[in-house]
C-alpha atoms as a PDB file:
ATOM      1  CA  MET A   1      18.312   7.913  -6.347  1.00  0.00           C
ATOM      2  CA  LYS A   2      17.880   4.158  -6.239  1.00  0.00           C
ATOM      3  CA  ARG A   3      14.475   2.671  -7.089  1.00  0.00           C
ATOM      4  CA  ARG A   4      14.235   1.220  -3.588  1.00  0.00           C
ATOM      5  CA  ASP A   5      14.787   4.631  -1.946  1.00  0.00           C
ATOM      6  CA  PHE A   6      12.316   6.323  -4.277  1.00  0.00           C
ATOM      7  CA  LEU A   7       9.601   3.811  -3.424  1.00  0.00           C
ATOM      8  CA  ILE A   8      10.141   4.361   0.297  1.00  0.00           C
ATOM      9  CA  GLN A   9      10.145   8.157   0.050  1.00  0.00           C
ATOM     10  CA  SER A  10       7.077   8.106  -2.188  1.00  0.00           C
ATOM     11  CA  GLY A  11       5.162   6.562   0.695  1.00  0.00           C
ATOM     12  CA  ILE A  12       4.133   3.393  -1.111  1.00  0.00           C
ATOM     13  CA  PHE A  13       5.194   1.325   1.859  1.00  0.00           C
ATOM     14  CA  SER A  14       7.512   1.637   4.808  1.00  0.00           C
ATOM     15  CA  ALA A  15      11.156   0.654   4.860  1.00  0.00           C
ATOM     16  CA  ALA A  16      10.140  -2.369   6.915  1.00  0.00           C
ATOM     17  CA  ALA A  17       8.070  -3.588   3.975  1.00  0.00           C
ATOM     18  CA  ILE A  18      11.043  -3.921   1.640  1.00  0.00           C
ATOM     19  CA  SER A  19      11.571  -7.645   2.038  1.00  0.00           C
ATOM     20  CA  ALA A  20      11.262 -10.540  -0.337  1.00  0.00           C
ATOM     21  CA  VAL A  21       7.967 -12.386   0.017  1.00  0.00           C
ATOM     22  CA  SER A  22       6.315 -14.963  -2.198  1.00  0.00           C
ATOM     23  CA  SER A  23       4.321 -13.753  -5.180  1.00  0.00           C
ATOM     24  CA  ASN A  24       1.073 -15.161  -3.792  1.00  0.00           C
ATOM     25  CA  ALA A  25       1.665 -14.156  -0.158  1.00  0.00           C
ATOM     26  CA  TRP A  26      -1.359 -11.860  -0.212  1.00  0.00           C
ATOM     27  CA  ILE A  27      -3.743 -14.749  -0.692  1.00  0.00           C
ATOM     28  CA  ALA A  28      -1.841 -17.247   1.413  1.00  0.00           C
ATOM     29  CA  ARG A  29      -4.145 -16.665   4.356  1.00  0.00           C
ATOM     30  CA  SER A  30      -7.871 -16.390   3.830  1.00  0.00           C
ATOM     31  CA  ALA A  31      -9.946 -13.985   5.907  1.00  0.00           C
ATOM     32  CA  THR A  32     -11.881 -15.739   8.623  1.00  0.00           C
ATOM     33  CA  LYS A  33     -14.448 -14.376  11.025  1.00  0.00           C
ATOM     34  CA  ASN A  34     -12.946 -15.611  14.247  1.00  0.00           C
ATOM     35  CA  SER A  35     -14.211 -13.538  17.144  1.00  0.00           C
ATOM     36  CA  ASP A  36     -11.824 -15.337  19.508  1.00  0.00           C
ATOM     37  CA  GLN A  37      -8.713 -14.359  17.587  1.00  0.00           C
ATOM     38  CA  LYS A  38      -6.147 -12.714  19.838  1.00  0.00           C
ATOM     39  CA  ARG A  39      -4.856  -9.272  18.902  1.00  0.00           C
ATOM     40  CA  LEU A  40      -2.241  -7.012  20.433  1.00  0.00           C
ATOM     41  CA  ILE A  41      -2.386  -3.203  20.361  1.00  0.00           C
ATOM     42  CA  VAL A  42       0.490  -1.229  21.867  1.00  0.00           C
ATOM     43  CA  ILE A  43       0.029   2.473  22.688  1.00  0.00           C
ATOM     44  CA  PHE A  44       3.304   4.233  23.432  1.00  0.00           C
ATOM     45  CA  LEU A  45       3.025   7.420  25.545  1.00  0.00           C
ATOM     46  CA  ARG A  46       6.187   9.194  24.462  1.00  0.00           C
ATOM     47  CA  GLY A  47       7.985  11.471  26.889  1.00  0.00           C
ATOM     48  CA  ALA A  48       7.580   9.188  29.935  1.00  0.00           C
ATOM     49  CA  VAL A  49       4.061   9.390  31.325  1.00  0.00           C
ATOM     50  CA  ASP A  50       4.000   9.560  35.127  1.00  0.00           C
ATOM     51  CA  GLY A  51       2.417   6.273  36.169  1.00  0.00           C
ATOM     52  CA  LEU A  52       2.391   7.172  39.868  1.00  0.00           C
ATOM     53  CA  ASN A  53      -0.045  10.015  39.180  1.00  0.00           C
ATOM     54  CA  ILE A  54      -2.249   7.881  36.941  1.00  0.00           C
ATOM     55  CA  VAL A  55      -2.596   4.772  39.108  1.00  0.00           C
ATOM     56  CA  VAL A  56      -1.935   6.410  42.459  1.00  0.00           C
ATOM     57  CA  PRO A  57      -0.652   4.462  45.523  1.00  0.00           C
ATOM     58  CA  TYR A  58      -2.778   6.650  47.782  1.00  0.00           C
ATOM     59  CA  SER A  59      -2.375   4.332  50.798  1.00  0.00           C
ATOM     60  CA  GLU A  60       1.384   4.990  50.874  1.00  0.00           C
ATOM     61  CA  THR A  61       2.501   7.864  53.089  1.00  0.00           C
ATOM     62  CA  ALA A  62       5.800   8.019  51.235  1.00  0.00           C
ATOM     63  CA  TYR A  63       3.953   8.985  48.047  1.00  0.00           C
ATOM     64  CA  TYR A  64       2.617  12.182  49.629  1.00  0.00           C
ATOM     65  CA  GLN A  65       5.901  12.925  51.383  1.00  0.00           C
ATOM     66  CA  ALA A  66       7.816  12.702  48.111  1.00  0.00           C
ATOM     67  CA  ARG A  67       5.266  14.728  46.129  1.00  0.00           C
ATOM     68  CA  PRO A  68       3.931  17.531  48.311  1.00  0.00           C
ATOM     69  CA  GLN A  69       3.000  19.711  45.293  1.00  0.00           C
ATOM     70  CA  ILE A  70       1.862  17.229  42.641  1.00  0.00           C
ATOM     71  CA  ALA A  71       0.382  14.304  44.580  1.00  0.00           C
ATOM     72  CA  ILE A  72      -3.236  13.415  43.777  1.00  0.00           C
ATOM     73  CA  PRO A  73      -5.440  13.638  46.917  1.00  0.00           C
ATOM     74  CA  GLN A  74      -6.888  10.529  48.532  1.00  0.00           C
ATOM     75  CA  PRO A  75     -10.411   9.316  47.703  1.00  0.00           C
ATOM     76  CA  GLY A  76     -13.168  11.469  49.132  1.00  0.00           C
ATOM     77  CA  LYS A  77     -11.110  14.659  49.064  1.00  0.00           C
ATOM     78  CA  GLU A  78     -11.510  17.434  46.516  1.00  0.00           C
ATOM     79  CA  GLY A  79      -9.907  16.299  43.264  1.00  0.00           C
ATOM     80  CA  GLY A  80      -9.163  12.946  44.847  1.00  0.00           C
ATOM     81  CA  VAL A  81      -8.411   9.667  43.133  1.00  0.00           C
ATOM     82  CA  ILE A  82     -11.075   7.104  42.299  1.00  0.00           C
ATOM     83  CA  ASP A  83     -10.549   4.087  44.527  1.00  0.00           C
ATOM     84  CA  LEU A  84      -9.667   0.832  42.797  1.00  0.00           C
ATOM     85  CA  ASP A  85      -8.839  -1.704  45.495  1.00  0.00           C
ATOM     86  CA  GLY A  86      -8.292   0.101  48.793  1.00  0.00           C
ATOM     87  CA  ARG A  87      -4.625   0.744  48.011  1.00  0.00           C
ATOM     88  CA  PHE A  88      -4.477   2.230  44.534  1.00  0.00           C
ATOM     89  CA  GLY A  89      -6.683   4.846  42.896  1.00  0.00           C
ATOM     90  CA  LEU A  90      -7.231   6.169  39.393  1.00  0.00           C
ATOM     91  CA  HIS A  91      -6.594   9.772  38.369  1.00  0.00           C
ATOM     92  CA  PRO A  92     -10.019  11.503  38.359  1.00  0.00           C
ATOM     93  CA  ALA A  93      -9.567  12.497  34.705  1.00  0.00           C
ATOM     94  CA  LEU A  94      -9.862   8.784  33.856  1.00  0.00           C
ATOM     95  CA  ALA A  95     -13.276   8.283  35.422  1.00  0.00           C
ATOM     96  CA  SER A  96     -14.629   7.065  32.084  1.00  0.00           C
ATOM     97  CA  LEU A  97     -12.434   3.949  32.390  1.00  0.00           C
ATOM     98  CA  MET A  98     -14.011   2.777  35.636  1.00  0.00           C
ATOM     99  CA  PRO A  99     -16.787   0.701  33.994  1.00  0.00           C
ATOM    100  CA  PHE A 100     -14.089  -1.413  32.313  1.00  0.00           C
ATOM    101  CA  TRP A 101     -12.357  -1.925  35.664  1.00  0.00           C
ATOM    102  CA  GLN A 102     -15.621  -2.920  37.300  1.00  0.00           C
ATOM    103  CA  GLN A 103     -16.331  -5.387  34.468  1.00  0.00           C
ATOM    104  CA  ASN A 104     -12.903  -6.990  34.985  1.00  0.00           C
ATOM    105  CA  SER A 105     -11.853  -6.082  31.434  1.00  0.00           C
ATOM    106  CA  LEU A 106      -9.199  -3.575  32.516  1.00  0.00           C
ATOM    107  CA  ALA A 107      -6.017  -4.179  34.513  1.00  0.00           C
ATOM    108  CA  PHE A 108      -2.974  -2.152  35.529  1.00  0.00           C
ATOM    109  CA  VAL A 109       0.586  -3.431  35.867  1.00  0.00           C
ATOM    110  CA  HIS A 110       2.503  -1.198  38.255  1.00  0.00           C
ATOM    111  CA  ALA A 111       6.193  -0.938  39.156  1.00  0.00           C
ATOM    112  CA  CYS A 112       7.453  -2.336  35.860  1.00  0.00           C
ATOM    113  CA  GLY A 113       9.753  -0.951  33.210  1.00  0.00           C
ATOM    114  CA  SER A 114      13.282  -0.982  31.887  1.00  0.00           C
ATOM    115  CA  PRO A 115      16.125  -1.968  34.222  1.00  0.00           C
ATOM    116  CA  ASP A 116      18.488   0.386  32.374  1.00  0.00           C
ATOM    117  CA  PRO A 117      19.235   3.504  34.490  1.00  0.00           C
ATOM    118  CA  THR A 118      19.703   5.935  31.582  1.00  0.00           C
ATOM    119  CA  ARG A 119      18.330   9.437  32.065  1.00  0.00           C
ATOM    120  CA  SER A 120      18.021   9.956  28.323  1.00  0.00           C
ATOM    121  CA  HIS A 121      14.457   9.885  27.044  1.00  0.00           C
ATOM    122  CA  PHE A 122      15.739   8.990  23.590  1.00  0.00           C
ATOM    123  CA  ASP A 123      17.725   6.001  24.819  1.00  0.00           C
ATOM    124  CA  ALA A 124      14.985   4.852  27.183  1.00  0.00           C
ATOM    125  CA  GLN A 125      12.382   4.862  24.413  1.00  0.00           C
ATOM    126  CA  GLN A 126      14.716   3.038  22.042  1.00  0.00           C
ATOM    127  CA  TYR A 127      15.293   0.343  24.660  1.00  0.00           C
ATOM    128  CA  MET A 128      11.559   0.003  25.213  1.00  0.00           C
ATOM    129  CA  GLU A 129      11.048  -0.474  21.486  1.00  0.00           C
ATOM    130  CA  ASN A 130      13.918  -2.834  20.751  1.00  0.00           C
ATOM    131  CA  ALA A 131      13.508  -4.708  24.085  1.00  0.00           C
ATOM    132  CA  THR A 132      17.260  -4.910  24.666  1.00  0.00           C
ATOM    133  CA  PRO A 133      17.905  -2.420  27.512  1.00  0.00           C
ATOM    134  CA  GLY A 134      21.386  -0.952  27.386  1.00  0.00           C
ATOM    135  CA  ASP A 135      22.081  -2.217  23.864  1.00  0.00           C
ATOM    136  CA  LYS A 136      21.766   0.402  21.124  1.00  0.00           C
ATOM    137  CA  HIS A 137      22.965  -1.946  18.408  1.00  0.00           C
ATOM    138  CA  THR A 138      19.714  -3.904  18.087  1.00  0.00           C
ATOM    139  CA  GLN A 139      18.447  -3.064  14.616  1.00  0.00           C
ATOM    140  CA  ASP A 140      14.845  -4.271  14.863  1.00  0.00           C
ATOM    141  CA  GLY A 141      11.909  -3.726  17.194  1.00  0.00           C
ATOM    142  CA  TRP A 142      10.332  -6.378  19.378  1.00  0.00           C
ATOM    143  CA  MET A 143       6.943  -6.132  17.641  1.00  0.00           C
ATOM    144  CA  ASN A 144       8.602  -6.815  14.294  1.00  0.00           C
ATOM    145  CA  ARG A 145      10.351  -9.825  15.816  1.00  0.00           C
ATOM    146  CA  LEU A 146       7.012 -10.977  17.220  1.00  0.00           C
ATOM    147  CA  LEU A 147       5.516 -10.576  13.755  1.00  0.00           C
ATOM    148  CA  GLY A 148       8.258 -12.833  12.418  1.00  0.00           C
ATOM    149  CA  VAL A 149       7.140 -15.569  14.818  1.00  0.00           C
ATOM    150  CA  ILE A 150       3.395 -15.371  14.137  1.00  0.00           C
ATOM    151  CA  SER A 151       3.614 -14.170  10.539  1.00  0.00           C
ATOM    152  CA  GLN A 152       1.347 -15.586   7.880  1.00  0.00           C
ATOM    153  CA  LYS A 153       3.282 -13.679   5.190  1.00  0.00           C
ATOM    154  CA  THR A 154       0.689 -10.963   4.594  1.00  0.00           C
ATOM    155  CA  PRO A 155       1.671  -7.263   4.526  1.00  0.00           C
ATOM    156  CA  ILE A 156      -1.520  -6.280   6.328  1.00  0.00           C
ATOM    157  CA  GLN A 157      -0.950  -8.390   9.434  1.00  0.00           C
ATOM    158  CA  ALA A 158       0.494  -5.411  11.346  1.00  0.00           C
ATOM    159  CA  VAL A 159      -0.657  -1.786  11.203  1.00  0.00           C
ATOM    160  CA  SER A 160       1.068   1.276  12.634  1.00  0.00           C
ATOM    161  CA  VAL A 161      -0.771   4.589  13.021  1.00  0.00           C
ATOM    162  CA  GLY A 162       1.542   7.439  12.036  1.00  0.00           C
ATOM    163  CA  GLU A 163       3.473   8.927   9.155  1.00  0.00           C
ATOM    164  CA  THR A 164       6.561   6.758   9.619  1.00  0.00           C
ATOM    165  CA  THR A 165       7.307   3.258  10.850  1.00  0.00           C
ATOM    166  CA  PRO A 166       8.355   3.395  14.529  1.00  0.00           C
ATOM    167  CA  TRP A 167      11.420   1.613  15.857  1.00  0.00           C
ATOM    168  CA  ILE A 168       9.231  -0.983  17.572  1.00  0.00           C
ATOM    169  CA  PHE A 169       8.026  -2.163  14.132  1.00  0.00           C
ATOM    170  CA  SER A 170      11.315  -1.781  12.248  1.00  0.00           C
ATOM    171  CA  GLY A 171      12.811  -4.933  10.831  1.00  0.00           C
ATOM    172  CA  ARG A 172      12.498  -7.449   8.028  1.00  0.00           C
ATOM    173  CA  MET A 173       8.766  -8.142   8.351  1.00  0.00           C
ATOM    174  CA  PRO A 174       6.312  -5.976   6.341  1.00  0.00           C
ATOM    175  CA  VAL A 175       4.172  -3.460   8.236  1.00  0.00           C
ATOM    176  CA  ALA A 176       1.367  -1.259   6.891  1.00  0.00           C
ATOM    177  CA  ASN A 177       1.146   2.412   7.917  1.00  0.00           C
ATOM    178  CA  ILE A 178      -1.873   4.690   8.125  1.00  0.00           C
ATOM    179  CA  ALA A 179      -1.606   8.381   8.930  1.00  0.00           C
ATOM    180  CA  SER A 180      -3.234   9.783  12.054  1.00  0.00           C
ATOM    181  CA  GLY A 181      -6.123  12.225  12.290  1.00  0.00           C
ATOM    182  CA  ARG A 182      -7.642  13.646   9.157  1.00  0.00           C
ATOM    183  CA  ASN A 183      -4.554  12.651   7.188  1.00  0.00           C
ATOM    184  CA  ALA A 184      -5.468   8.974   7.525  1.00  0.00           C
ATOM    185  CA  ASN A 185      -6.999   8.808   4.061  1.00  0.00           C
ATOM    186  CA  ARG A 186      -4.953  11.560   2.429  1.00  0.00           C
ATOM    187  CA  PRO A 187      -3.980  10.526  -1.111  1.00  0.00           C
ATOM    188  CA  LEU A 188      -0.320   9.802  -1.786  1.00  0.00           C
ATOM    189  CA  PRO A 189       1.467  10.362  -5.105  1.00  0.00           C
ATOM    190  CA  ILE A 190       1.130   6.649  -5.878  1.00  0.00           C
ATOM    191  CA  ASP A 191      -2.665   7.010  -5.664  1.00  0.00           C
ATOM    192  CA  ARG A 192      -2.706   9.128  -8.837  1.00  0.00           C
ATOM    193  CA  PRO A 193      -3.967   6.857 -11.631  1.00  0.00           C
ATOM    194  CA  GLN A 194      -1.290   7.860 -14.145  1.00  0.00           C
ATOM    195  CA  LEU A 195       1.571   7.440 -11.680  1.00  0.00           C
ATOM    196  CA  ALA A 196       0.138   4.166 -10.370  1.00  0.00           C
ATOM    197  CA  ALA A 197      -0.203   2.802 -13.895  1.00  0.00           C
ATOM    198  CA  ALA A 198       3.389   3.751 -14.688  1.00  0.00           C
ATOM    199  CA  PHE A 199       4.688   1.997 -11.579  1.00  0.00           C
ATOM    200  CA  ASP A 200       2.504  -1.031 -12.215  1.00  0.00           C
ATOM    201  CA  GLN A 201       4.028  -1.354 -15.666  1.00  0.00           C
ATOM    202  CA  LEU A 202       7.552  -0.767 -14.371  1.00  0.00           C
ATOM    203  CA  TYR A 203       7.258  -3.406 -11.652  1.00  0.00           C
ATOM    204  CA  ASN A 204       5.253  -6.133 -13.356  1.00  0.00           C
ATOM    205  CA  GLY A 205       8.010  -8.755 -13.289  1.00  0.00           C
ATOM    206  CA  ASN A 206       8.717 -11.667 -10.982  1.00  0.00           C
ATOM    207  CA  ASP A 207      11.840 -10.240  -9.344  1.00  0.00           C
ATOM    208  CA  ALA A 208      11.842  -9.636  -5.586  1.00  0.00           C
ATOM    209  CA  LEU A 209      11.460  -5.844  -5.829  1.00  0.00           C
ATOM    210  CA  SER A 210       8.497  -6.113  -8.205  1.00  0.00           C
ATOM    211  CA  GLN A 211       6.804  -8.635  -5.953  1.00  0.00           C
ATOM    212  CA  THR A 212       7.374  -6.425  -2.910  1.00  0.00           C
ATOM    213  CA  TYR A 213       5.997  -3.397  -4.772  1.00  0.00           C
ATOM    214  CA  ARG A 214       2.782  -5.267  -5.573  1.00  0.00           C
ATOM    215  CA  GLN A 215       2.512  -6.412  -1.955  1.00  0.00           C
ATOM    216  CA  GLY A 216       2.834  -2.813  -0.791  1.00  0.00           C
ATOM    217  CA  ARG A 217       0.226  -1.620  -3.267  1.00  0.00           C
ATOM    218  CA  MET A 218      -2.265  -4.293  -2.215  1.00  0.00           C
ATOM    219  CA  ALA A 219      -1.674  -3.615   1.480  1.00  0.00           C
ATOM    220  CA  ARG A 220      -2.281   0.098   1.029  1.00  0.00           C
ATOM    221  CA  GLN A 221      -5.376  -0.455  -1.094  1.00  0.00           C
ATOM    222  CA  ALA A 222      -6.869  -2.842   1.468  1.00  0.00           C
ATOM    223  CA  ILE A 223      -6.258  -0.383   4.308  1.00  0.00           C
ATOM    224  CA  MET A 224      -7.651   2.558   2.319  1.00  0.00           C
ATOM    225  CA  ASN A 225     -10.765   0.606   1.375  1.00  0.00           C
ATOM    226  CA  ASP A 226     -11.438  -0.178   5.035  1.00  0.00           C
ATOM    227  CA  LEU A 227     -10.913   3.473   5.967  1.00  0.00           C
ATOM    228  CA  ASP A 228     -13.262   4.662   3.232  1.00  0.00           C
ATOM    229  CA  ASN A 229     -15.991   2.295   4.418  1.00  0.00           C
ATOM    230  CA  GLU A 230     -15.594   3.471   8.023  1.00  0.00           C
ATOM    231  CA  MET A 231     -15.793   7.113   6.959  1.00  0.00           C
ATOM    232  CA  LYS A 232     -18.997   6.564   5.007  1.00  0.00           C
ATOM    233  CA  MET A 233     -20.762   4.869   7.893  1.00  0.00           C
ATOM    234  CA  ALA A 234     -19.844   7.555  10.441  1.00  0.00           C
ATOM    235  CA  ASN A 235     -21.950  10.723  10.488  1.00  0.00           C
ATOM    236  CA  ASN A 236     -23.321  10.253   6.982  1.00  0.00           C
ATOM    237  CA  GLY A 237     -19.864   9.987   5.508  1.00  0.00           C
ATOM    238  CA  ALA A 238     -18.285  12.872   7.434  1.00  0.00           C
ATOM    239  CA  PRO A 239     -14.737  12.160   8.654  1.00  0.00           C
ATOM    240  CA  SER A 240     -14.057  11.647  12.348  1.00  0.00           C
ATOM    241  CA  PRO A 241     -12.445  14.533  14.287  1.00  0.00           C
ATOM    242  CA  ASP A 242      -8.732  14.615  14.936  1.00  0.00           C
ATOM    243  CA  GLY A 243      -7.376  13.163  18.161  1.00  0.00           C
ATOM    244  CA  PHE A 244      -6.450   9.969  19.879  1.00  0.00           C
ATOM    245  CA  ALA A 245     -10.012   8.769  20.375  1.00  0.00           C
ATOM    246  CA  SER A 246     -10.778   8.878  16.655  1.00  0.00           C
ATOM    247  CA  ASP A 247      -7.440   7.276  15.728  1.00  0.00           C
ATOM    248  CA  ALA A 248      -7.979   4.501  18.267  1.00  0.00           C
ATOM    249  CA  GLN A 249     -11.511   3.928  17.012  1.00  0.00           C
ATOM    250  CA  ARG A 250     -10.283   3.803  13.431  1.00  0.00           C
ATOM    251  CA  LEU A 251      -7.592   1.251  14.255  1.00  0.00           C
ATOM    252  CA  ALA A 252     -10.035  -0.874  16.261  1.00  0.00           C
ATOM    253  CA  GLN A 253     -12.563  -0.905  13.429  1.00  0.00           C
ATOM    254  CA  LEU A 254      -9.881  -1.886  10.929  1.00  0.00           C
ATOM    255  CA  MET A 255      -8.798  -4.788  13.126  1.00  0.00           C
ATOM    256  CA  LEU A 256     -12.364  -5.944  13.660  1.00  0.00           C
ATOM    257  CA  LYS A 257     -13.222  -5.806   9.968  1.00  0.00           C
ATOM    258  CA  ASP A 258     -10.075  -7.522   8.741  1.00  0.00           C
ATOM    259  CA  PRO A 259      -9.032 -10.596  10.773  1.00  0.00           C
ATOM    260  CA  ARG A 260      -5.656 -10.580   9.047  1.00  0.00           C
ATOM    261  CA  ILE A 261      -4.604  -7.614  11.208  1.00  0.00           C
ATOM    262  CA  GLU A 262      -3.259  -8.996  14.481  1.00  0.00           C
ATOM    263  CA  LEU A 263      -0.822  -6.316  15.664  1.00  0.00           C
ATOM    264  CA  GLY A 264      -1.446  -2.581  16.022  1.00  0.00           C
ATOM    265  CA  PHE A 265       0.671   0.306  17.272  1.00  0.00           C
ATOM    266  CA  MET A 266       0.016   3.943  18.151  1.00  0.00           C
ATOM    267  CA  ALA A 267       2.199   6.598  19.790  1.00  0.00           C
ATOM    268  CA  LEU A 268       1.131   9.735  21.643  1.00  0.00           C
ATOM    269  CA  GLY A 269       3.376  12.658  22.541  1.00  0.00           C
ATOM    270  CA  GLY A 270       3.123  15.386  25.141  1.00  0.00           C
ATOM    271  CA  TRP A 271       3.773  13.368  28.303  1.00  0.00           C
ATOM    272  CA  ASP A 272       7.091  15.003  29.224  1.00  0.00           C
ATOM    273  CA  THR A 273       5.253  17.395  31.536  1.00  0.00           C
ATOM    274  CA  HIS A 274       8.083  18.583  33.829  1.00  0.00           C
ATOM    275  CA  VAL A 275       7.036  21.574  36.000  1.00  0.00           C
ATOM    276  CA  ASN A 276       3.708  21.875  34.180  1.00  0.00           C
ATOM    277  CA  GLN A 277       2.405  18.511  35.353  1.00  0.00           C
ATOM    278  CA  GLY A 278       0.358  19.754  38.282  1.00  0.00           C
ATOM    279  CA  SER A 279      -1.761  17.631  40.595  1.00  0.00           C
ATOM    280  CA  THR A 280      -5.376  16.909  39.669  1.00  0.00           C
ATOM    281  CA  GLN A 281      -5.211  19.968  37.447  1.00  0.00           C
ATOM    282  CA  GLY A 282      -2.304  20.586  35.088  1.00  0.00           C
ATOM    283  CA  GLN A 283      -0.844  19.304  31.839  1.00  0.00           C
ATOM    284  CA  LEU A 284      -1.106  15.645  32.828  1.00  0.00           C
ATOM    285  CA  GLY A 285      -4.778  15.979  33.750  1.00  0.00           C
ATOM    286  CA  ARG A 286      -5.534  17.912  30.555  1.00  0.00           C
ATOM    287  CA  ASN A 287      -3.782  15.293  28.437  1.00  0.00           C
ATOM    288  CA  LEU A 288      -5.735  12.496  30.084  1.00  0.00           C
ATOM    289  CA  LYS A 289      -9.046  14.297  29.547  1.00  0.00           C
ATOM    290  CA  ASN A 290      -8.250  15.069  25.921  1.00  0.00           C
ATOM    291  CA  TRP A 291      -6.940  11.642  24.932  1.00  0.00           C
ATOM    292  CA  VAL A 292      -9.049   9.267  26.960  1.00  0.00           C
ATOM    293  CA  GLN A 293     -12.568   9.590  25.614  1.00  0.00           C
ATOM    294  CA  VAL A 294     -14.674   6.450  25.930  1.00  0.00           C
END
């Protein structure tokens, strides 16, 4: 096995992080407390979430004609939608989001998506992540390309929640990964002092691979330190429960504490509901209740 492959499989950093960066890239950008700094967080609902039953066009007769079994009732009816603007309504399971709508800090963009007509979920998701509908040959994701435009050459500028780097973040720019749920601060083999010391000695040169190794180690240590601090402050040091809400809160706290982090990504499965979707009640409603906790 090549050294490069071993480093990737050991979990030191993602494949996207294997790129040559300057030896002092980590300190190239100082941390600043800028509350106005713009950040982008993308949450991918894998399996094709049904937008028409989340932001419901309840004023359209065609909606109820096309969905006699799974349509969400109009406002005022049992299990009905929560009115937004007289035309659209929110699935009742998302009632906790209404304060954000009323404060003008929440918006919905309807009737948008990929122009590619594929019926393959795999292809459709790949096109959404590489932003080149119909072209499977694009090797990087649009968030990695965005990172290349705004990059300050720090391996902590983008964080993905999950065990592996998603397609949307694949590419030449370095991306840090944190696991989801209770695995977020699970030690990796590289965290063992003896193994870490051996790797530090092995990659202490000025070659590109050694520099990238040190960047990956520093990125992981910075992320783990932030996670440890968050854990200690919550519930007298007790870890947060598993689930989307805790993962989202963890990512948000990391981005607030460290202004170097400008891009974040999370993915949630279970949205390919098929015949189990239901109307107000069903798999879609249960998913929304379980994952949207504000």
